[in-house]
Amino acid sequence: MTFTKTISESRNNVLVTSVAVVVSALATAAICCNIKERQKRRSDYQWERKRQEERTGRIRAEVKLRDALSKLKKAKIESDDEHVLPLSTVGIVRAPYPKRMGTPRQGALVPSSRGCIQFVKSLSPEVLDGINAYSHLWVIFQFHENTSLATSKKTKIRPPRGGGIKVGQMATRSPHRPNPVGLSLVTIDRWEPSTRRLYIKALDLVDGTPVYDVKPYVHWDIPNEVKVIENPSGGIGLKLPHWVENKADVLASVVFETEAEESLRRFVRQNKLSPLLYPSKDSMSFVAAKQTLIEILSQDPRSTHRGISKNKRGSLSAGSPIAAKGNKHEGTDNNSDVYRLSFGNLVIEFVVTEKGAIVKNILEGALKGEDVVAD
């Protein structure tokens, strides 16, 4: 009897344990199902919210597009313009000039500068067959970083070298025009059909500039007989306003401090300047980069519209001239205004003295604003 009772108790214990395990498993399953259900509801809610946000954004975009098209149509009707030309981008400029400040005013002023036009994939490389037979190229592009609207009522501007005079927009080469379209003459370096890249030099184009067309330069564009003369009385001559040839803001020299030059050399060697345009495998990349910076700084890239006379183009950094003992370059001190400009992936810090520009430091990074003056 005792043995039978023990077996019975053991069976009961096993049964109770089994029931407990089953109940525990069911409870765990229920909890898991509950968690999954809540996760599903949360996911559904998040998806629905994103869908609503996307729908709302799409509706707003459609409304803005309709308004813009309506205004464009109205403007076309009012102007009676039957020759509106839709343009498509054929390529994008890749250049070491991420911002307008520091971009050369004219490509011919910086002949060593490097860049390329990355043509779109929808364009067959065959359209550029034979381009290597030319030395120069006209680039038709958009001033895509203009801060003024094409609808602006302004008709006159102050040219950078005009000494404060005002002239009509279309009497200058300003990017601020009724149609923000530019024309630039560049030097052809080489054409790579496999990558759809046309490498160019002597460019004055901001990185990311949309290109609408390119045309080979031929000698008839500017005949050799044309010469710059102040008062052409007869024959062929090129007449220019006096302020175009004003070179009062050209800096006499550009000097690199030893540490700055070594920094530039190191960044080029580490492929941190611009791997596409100044690759470390090119033994001339450092020399080309330094020469480009010399050409840019010698033209004094500072703005003429800062509103502070001491910081404008042609002025000296604060504290100059100074003949301080121990300075590496006479005419500079630690209190001088340090100007910065972007060059590729680097920031160039320089000061301006009565003798010219001095590159003080070269850092890796990007500027937040268009240009910066240190305190």
Protein backbone atom coordinates (compact mmCIF):
# COMPACT_ATOMS: atom_id res chain seq x y z
CA MET A 1 0.00 0.00 0.00
CA THR A 2 2.75 2.36 0.91
CA PHE A 3 4.52 1.68 -2.38
CA THR A 4 1.35 2.21 -4.39
CA LYS A 5 0.69 5.45 -2.52
CA THR A 6 4.20 6.69 -3.31
CA ILE A 7 3.74 5.96 -7.02
CA SER A 8 0.41 7.75 -7.00
CA GLU A 9 1.92 10.81 -5.32
CA SER A 10 4.78 10.83 -7.81
CA ARG A 11 2.32 10.74 -10.71
CA ASN A 12 0.38 13.57 -9.16
CA ASN A 13 3.57 15.62 -8.76
CA VAL A 14 4.52 14.97 -12.40
CA LEU A 15 1.04 15.92 -13.49
CA VAL A 16 1.12 19.11 -11.46
CA THR A 17 4.54 19.95 -12.82
CA SER A 18 3.41 19.29 -16.37
CA VAL A 19 0.35 21.43 -15.90
CA ALA A 20 2.52 24.19 -14.43
CA VAL A 21 4.90 23.98 -17.38
CA VAL A 22 2.04 24.10 -19.85
CA VAL A 23 0.45 27.03 -18.04
CA SER A 24 3.80 28.82 -17.91
CA ALA A 25 4.39 28.17 -21.63
CA LEU A 26 0.92 29.42 -22.48
CA ALA A 27 1.46 32.51 -20.33
CA THR A 28 4.81 33.14 -22.00
CA ALA A 29 3.26 32.65 -25.42
CA ALA A 30 0.46 35.01 -24.51
CA ILE A 31 2.93 37.61 -23.29
CA CYS A 32 5.00 37.22 -26.48
CA CYS A 33 1.88 37.48 -28.61
CA ASN A 34 0.87 40.56 -26.64
CA ILE A 35 4.31 42.12 -27.15
CA LYS A 36 4.27 41.29 -30.85
CA GLU A 37 0.77 42.69 -31.16
CA ARG A 38 1.82 45.90 -29.47
CA GLN A 39 4.91 46.10 -31.67
CA LYS A 40 2.75 45.53 -34.73
CA ARG A 41 0.31 48.22 -33.64
CA ARG A 42 3.20 50.59 -32.97
CA SER A 43 4.72 49.77 -36.35
CA ASP A 44 1.36 50.24 -38.07
CA TYR A 45 0.91 53.55 -36.27
CA GLN A 46 4.37 54.75 -37.24
CA TRP A 47 3.85 53.64 -40.84
CA GLU A 48 0.47 55.38 -40.96
CA ARG A 49 1.96 58.53 -39.48
CA LYS A 50 4.80 58.53 -42.02
CA ARG A 51 2.31 57.91 -44.80
CA GLN A 52 0.21 60.84 -43.63
CA GLU A 53 3.30 63.05 -43.34
CA GLU A 54 4.42 62.01 -46.81
CA ARG A 55 0.94 62.65 -48.18
CA THR A 56 0.78 66.03 -46.47
CA GLY A 57 4.22 66.94 -47.80
CA ARG A 58 3.29 65.77 -51.28
CA ILE A 59 0.10 67.83 -51.22
CA ARG A 60 2.02 70.91 -50.08
CA ALA A 61 4.62 70.35 -52.78
CA GLU A 62 1.89 69.96 -55.39
CA VAL A 63 0.25 73.17 -54.21
CA LYS A 64 3.55 75.04 -54.42
CA LEU A 65 4.22 73.57 -57.85
CA ARG A 66 0.77 74.60 -59.09
CA ASP A 67 1.29 78.10 -57.70
CA ALA A 68 4.73 78.35 -59.33
CA LEU A 69 3.40 77.09 -62.68
CA SER A 70 0.47 79.46 -62.43
CA LYS A 71 2.79 82.40 -61.78
CA LEU A 72 5.09 81.30 -64.60
CA LYS A 73 2.15 80.98 -66.99
CA LYS A 74 0.84 84.38 -65.91
CA ALA A 75 4.27 85.94 -66.34
CA LYS A 76 4.56 84.38 -69.79
CA ILE A 77 1.16 85.73 -70.80
CA GLU A 78 1.96 89.17 -69.44
CA SER A 79 5.35 89.30 -71.14
CA ASP A 80 4.06 87.71 -74.34
CA ASP A 81 7.25 85.65 -74.50
CA GLU A 82 6.90 82.87 -77.05
CA HIS A 83 10.52 81.78 -76.88
CA VAL A 84 10.88 80.34 -73.38
CA LEU A 85 13.64 77.73 -73.60
CA PRO A 86 13.58 74.66 -71.30
CA LEU A 87 17.13 73.49 -70.62
CA SER A 88 18.42 70.19 -69.30
CA THR A 89 21.73 69.68 -67.54
CA VAL A 90 24.38 67.84 -69.56
CA GLY A 91 26.95 67.76 -66.77
CA ILE A 92 28.08 68.96 -63.35
CA VAL A 93 31.33 70.78 -62.59
CA ARG A 94 33.70 69.26 -60.05
CA ALA A 95 36.10 71.90 -58.74
CA PRO A 96 38.13 72.65 -55.58
CA TYR A 97 35.88 75.66 -54.92
CA PRO A 98 32.96 74.61 -52.68
CA LYS A 99 31.96 78.26 -52.04
CA ARG A 100 31.77 81.43 -54.06
CA MET A 101 34.45 83.11 -51.96
CA GLY A 102 37.79 81.80 -53.17
CA THR A 103 36.48 80.93 -56.63
CA PRO A 104 38.56 82.86 -59.20
CA ARG A 105 36.89 85.90 -60.77
CA GLN A 106 38.21 84.78 -64.16
CA GLY A 107 39.73 81.44 -65.12
CA ALA A 108 42.61 83.09 -66.97
CA LEU A 109 43.76 84.60 -63.67
CA VAL A 110 44.29 81.10 -62.24
CA PRO A 111 45.64 79.02 -65.16
CA SER A 112 46.87 76.19 -62.91
CA SER A 113 43.46 75.46 -61.34
CA ARG A 114 42.08 71.96 -61.91
CA GLY A 115 38.54 70.74 -62.39
CA CYS A 116 36.35 68.48 -64.48
CA ILE A 117 32.89 68.26 -65.99
CA GLN A 118 31.08 65.05 -65.04
CA PHE A 119 28.66 64.42 -67.90
CA VAL A 120 25.31 62.77 -67.16
CA LYS A 121 24.79 59.07 -67.85
CA SER A 122 21.91 59.75 -70.22
CA LEU A 123 24.36 61.44 -72.59
CA SER A 124 26.36 59.11 -74.84
CA PRO A 125 30.17 59.62 -74.59
CA GLU A 126 30.20 59.71 -78.39
CA VAL A 127 28.89 63.29 -78.35
CA LEU A 128 32.39 64.40 -77.28
CA ASP A 129 34.37 62.36 -79.80
CA GLY A 130 37.13 64.58 -81.15
CA ILE A 131 37.09 67.09 -78.27
CA ASN A 132 40.74 66.28 -77.48
CA ALA A 133 41.69 67.92 -80.78
CA TYR A 134 40.92 71.31 -79.21
CA SER A 135 42.86 73.20 -76.55
CA HIS A 136 40.06 75.41 -75.16
CA LEU A 137 36.36 75.16 -74.52
CA TRP A 138 33.41 77.47 -73.89
CA VAL A 139 31.24 76.27 -70.99
CA ILE A 140 27.63 77.46 -70.78
CA PHE A 141 26.41 77.08 -67.22
CA GLN A 142 23.99 78.26 -64.53
CA PHE A 143 24.88 80.56 -61.62
CA HIS A 144 23.22 78.09 -59.26
CA GLU A 145 24.37 79.74 -56.02
CA ASN A 146 22.92 83.17 -56.69
CA THR A 147 21.35 84.65 -53.58
CA SER A 148 19.24 87.16 -55.51
CA LEU A 149 16.03 86.20 -57.32
CA ALA A 150 15.67 86.55 -61.07
CA THR A 151 12.52 88.57 -60.35
CA SER A 152 14.52 91.23 -58.51
CA LYS A 153 13.83 94.78 -59.68
CA LYS A 154 17.49 95.76 -59.36
CA THR A 155 18.93 97.05 -62.61
CA LYS A 156 22.36 98.26 -61.49
CA ILE A 157 25.22 96.80 -59.48
CA ARG A 158 28.63 97.85 -58.17
CA PRO A 159 31.45 95.96 -59.95
CA PRO A 160 34.15 94.63 -57.55
CA ARG A 161 36.82 96.83 -59.16
CA GLY A 162 34.55 99.74 -60.00
CA GLY A 163 35.51 101.84 -56.98
CA GLY A 164 31.88 102.20 -55.91
CA ILE A 165 30.38 103.19 -59.28
CA LYS A 166 27.09 101.68 -60.41
CA VAL A 167 26.55 100.22 -63.86
CA GLY A 168 23.79 98.20 -65.48
CA GLN A 169 23.64 94.47 -64.78
CA MET A 170 24.14 93.57 -68.41
CA ALA A 171 27.06 95.98 -68.73
CA THR A 172 29.06 93.70 -66.41
CA ARG A 173 29.91 90.02 -66.11
CA SER A 174 28.06 89.77 -62.78
CA PRO A 175 26.30 86.47 -61.95
CA HIS A 176 23.23 88.46 -60.90
CA ARG A 177 21.28 88.80 -64.15
CA PRO A 178 17.71 88.39 -65.45
CA ASN A 179 18.71 84.90 -66.63
CA PRO A 180 21.41 83.37 -64.38
CA VAL A 181 23.38 81.91 -67.29
CA GLY A 182 27.16 82.18 -67.57
CA LEU A 183 29.81 81.65 -70.21
CA SER A 184 33.33 80.61 -69.25
CA LEU A 185 36.45 79.84 -71.27
CA VAL A 186 38.49 76.90 -69.93
CA THR A 187 41.50 74.86 -71.02
CA ILE A 188 40.96 71.23 -72.00
CA ASP A 189 43.22 68.79 -70.16
CA ARG A 190 41.86 65.40 -71.25
CA TRP A 191 38.65 63.54 -72.04
CA GLU A 192 37.87 60.16 -70.38
CA PRO A 193 34.96 58.48 -72.21
CA SER A 194 34.87 55.56 -69.75
CA THR A 195 34.10 57.87 -66.80
CA ARG A 196 32.34 60.59 -68.84
CA ARG A 197 34.72 63.13 -67.31
CA LEU A 198 36.21 66.04 -69.20
CA TYR A 199 39.16 67.33 -67.18
CA ILE A 200 39.74 71.07 -67.52
CA LYS A 201 42.03 73.81 -66.24
CA ALA A 202 41.89 77.59 -65.76
CA LEU A 203 38.31 77.46 -64.52
CA ASP A 204 36.29 79.95 -62.48
CA LEU A 205 33.36 77.67 -61.62
CA VAL A 206 31.98 76.71 -58.21
CA ASP A 207 31.81 73.01 -57.39
CA GLY A 208 28.41 71.60 -58.37
CA THR A 209 27.75 74.12 -61.16
CA PRO A 210 25.17 72.77 -63.66
CA VAL A 211 26.42 72.77 -67.25
CA TYR A 212 23.98 73.23 -70.14
CA ASP A 213 26.36 73.00 -73.07
CA VAL A 214 30.00 73.11 -74.15
CA LYS A 215 31.42 74.49 -77.39
CA PRO A 216 34.99 74.23 -78.71
CA TYR A 217 36.91 77.51 -78.82
CA VAL A 218 38.26 78.47 -82.25
CA HIS A 219 40.54 81.36 -83.23
CA TRP A 220 37.68 83.27 -84.85
CA ASP A 221 36.10 83.77 -81.42
CA ILE A 222 38.74 86.35 -80.52
CA PRO A 223 40.85 87.29 -83.56
CA ASN A 224 44.55 87.81 -82.96
CA GLU A 225 44.25 91.29 -84.43
CA VAL A 226 42.12 92.44 -81.50
CA LYS A 227 44.18 94.36 -78.98
CA VAL A 228 43.18 96.31 -75.88
CA ILE A 229 43.46 100.01 -76.65
CA GLU A 230 42.00 102.86 -74.63
CA ASN A 231 40.61 104.93 -77.51
CA PRO A 232 40.24 102.88 -80.69
CA SER A 233 39.85 105.47 -83.45
CA GLY A 234 39.92 103.11 -86.38
CA GLY A 235 40.48 99.52 -87.40
CA ILE A 236 39.98 96.62 -85.02
CA GLY A 237 40.30 97.35 -81.34
CA LEU A 238 38.89 96.28 -78.01
CA LYS A 239 37.30 99.03 -75.94
CA LEU A 240 36.93 98.55 -72.19
CA PRO A 241 35.75 100.67 -69.25
CA HIS A 242 38.65 101.99 -67.20
CA TRP A 243 37.62 100.02 -64.09
CA VAL A 244 37.98 96.65 -65.83
CA GLU A 245 41.75 97.09 -65.92
CA ASN A 246 41.92 98.39 -62.35
CA LYS A 247 44.52 96.29 -60.53
CA ALA A 248 44.77 98.28 -57.32
CA ASP A 249 43.62 95.28 -55.26
CA VAL A 250 46.15 92.80 -56.67
CA LEU A 251 48.45 91.60 -53.88
CA ALA A 252 52.18 91.93 -54.51
CA SER A 253 53.13 88.48 -53.20
CA VAL A 254 51.85 85.31 -51.57
CA VAL A 255 54.03 83.56 -49.00
CA PHE A 256 53.44 80.24 -47.21
CA GLU A 257 54.66 79.81 -43.67
CA THR A 258 56.61 76.59 -43.27
CA GLU A 259 53.97 74.84 -41.18
CA ALA A 260 51.21 75.77 -43.64
CA GLU A 261 53.19 74.48 -46.62
CA GLU A 262 53.96 71.22 -44.85
CA SER A 263 50.27 70.83 -43.94
CA LEU A 264 49.30 71.24 -47.60
CA ARG A 265 51.92 68.70 -48.64
CA ARG A 266 50.67 66.24 -46.03
CA PHE A 267 47.00 66.63 -46.95
CA VAL A 268 47.78 66.07 -50.65
CA ARG A 269 49.85 63.00 -49.78
CA GLN A 270 46.95 61.66 -47.66
CA ASN A 271 44.45 62.31 -50.48
CA LYS A 272 42.49 64.74 -48.28
CA LEU A 273 42.52 67.80 -50.56
CA SER A 274 40.59 66.40 -53.52
CA PRO A 275 41.25 62.78 -54.53
CA LEU A 276 39.62 63.40 -57.92
CA LEU A 277 41.51 66.55 -58.91
CA TYR A 278 44.69 66.37 -56.79
CA PRO A 279 45.31 62.62 -56.32
CA SER A 280 48.27 61.55 -54.21
CA LYS A 281 49.51 59.30 -57.03
CA ASP A 282 50.13 62.40 -59.17
CA SER A 283 53.59 63.67 -58.29
CA MET A 284 52.61 67.19 -59.41
CA SER A 285 49.48 67.51 -57.27
CA PHE A 286 51.18 69.39 -54.43
CA VAL A 287 52.94 71.81 -56.78
CA ALA A 288 49.72 72.41 -58.72
CA ALA A 289 47.67 72.96 -55.54
CA LYS A 290 50.18 75.43 -54.10
CA GLN A 291 50.41 77.33 -57.38
CA THR A 292 46.60 77.55 -57.62
CA LEU A 293 46.42 78.98 -54.09
CA ILE A 294 49.11 81.54 -54.95
CA GLU A 295 47.13 82.61 -58.03
CA ILE A 296 43.86 82.84 -56.07
CA LEU A 297 45.27 84.79 -53.13
CA SER A 298 47.25 87.18 -55.35
CA GLN A 299 43.89 88.39 -56.72
CA ASP A 300 42.68 89.12 -53.16
CA PRO A 301 39.56 86.90 -52.91
CA ARG A 302 38.02 88.86 -50.03
CA SER A 303 34.61 90.38 -50.53
CA THR A 304 34.03 94.01 -51.50
CA HIS A 305 30.57 94.00 -49.93
CA ARG A 306 31.34 93.19 -46.30
CA GLY A 307 30.32 96.64 -45.08
CA ILE A 308 33.45 96.90 -42.92
CA SER A 309 36.20 98.86 -44.62
CA LYS A 310 39.05 97.07 -42.83
CA ASN A 311 37.93 93.66 -44.12
CA LYS A 312 37.19 94.48 -47.72
CA ARG A 313 39.32 93.58 -50.72
CA GLY A 314 42.44 95.71 -50.98
CA SER A 315 42.64 96.50 -47.23
CA LEU A 316 45.20 95.25 -44.70
CA SER A 317 44.58 92.90 -41.80
CA ALA A 318 44.15 94.67 -38.46
CA GLY A 319 47.47 95.44 -36.85
CA SER A 320 49.40 95.84 -40.11
CA PRO A 321 51.93 97.18 -40.70
CA ILE A 322 53.81 96.02 -37.62
CA ALA A 323 57.53 95.48 -37.23
CA ALA A 324 57.52 93.08 -34.31
CA LYS A 325 60.67 91.35 -33.22
CA GLY A 326 60.71 87.63 -33.69
CA ASN A 327 57.99 87.55 -36.32
CA LYS A 328 58.79 85.26 -39.19
CA HIS A 329 57.29 87.73 -41.66
CA GLU A 330 57.51 91.44 -41.01
CA GLY A 331 54.12 93.12 -40.97
CA THR A 332 52.10 90.47 -39.11
CA ASP A 333 51.26 89.75 -35.52
CA ASN A 334 48.86 87.57 -33.55
CA ASN A 335 46.26 90.35 -33.50
CA SER A 336 45.92 90.49 -37.29
CA ASP A 337 42.60 89.57 -38.87
CA VAL A 338 42.83 86.02 -40.16
CA TYR A 339 40.76 85.38 -43.28
CA ARG A 340 39.61 81.94 -44.31
CA LEU A 341 38.53 80.38 -47.58
CA SER A 342 37.65 76.85 -48.65
CA PHE A 343 39.85 74.97 -51.08
CA GLY A 344 38.71 71.42 -51.77
CA ASN A 345 38.26 69.75 -48.40
CA LEU A 346 40.62 72.18 -46.69
CA VAL A 347 40.37 75.59 -45.02
CA ILE A 348 43.08 78.11 -45.89
CA GLU A 349 43.88 80.74 -43.23
CA PHE A 350 45.73 83.86 -44.35
CA VAL A 351 46.46 87.45 -43.40
CA VAL A 352 47.08 90.46 -45.63
CA THR A 353 49.97 92.82 -45.02
CA GLU A 354 51.48 95.74 -46.93
CA LYS A 355 53.73 93.20 -48.65
CA GLY A 356 51.01 90.77 -49.69
CA ALA A 357 49.23 87.66 -48.40
CA ILE A 358 50.72 85.22 -45.91
CA VAL A 359 49.24 81.73 -45.56
CA LYS A 360 49.32 81.07 -41.82
CA ASN A 361 47.65 77.70 -41.53
CA ILE A 362 45.86 74.99 -43.52
CA LEU A 363 43.24 72.85 -41.81
CA GLU A 364 41.02 69.95 -42.76
CA GLY A 365 37.32 70.76 -42.73
CA ALA A 366 34.72 73.10 -44.20
CA LEU A 367 33.53 76.63 -43.55
CA LYS A 368 29.97 77.13 -42.36
CA GLY A 369 29.51 80.58 -43.86
CA GLU A 370 30.49 82.11 -47.17
CA ASP A 371 33.58 83.64 -45.60
CA VAL A 372 34.87 84.14 -42.06
CA VAL A 373 37.02 86.74 -40.34
CA ALA A 374 38.56 85.67 -37.05
CA ASP A 375 38.55 88.06 -34.10
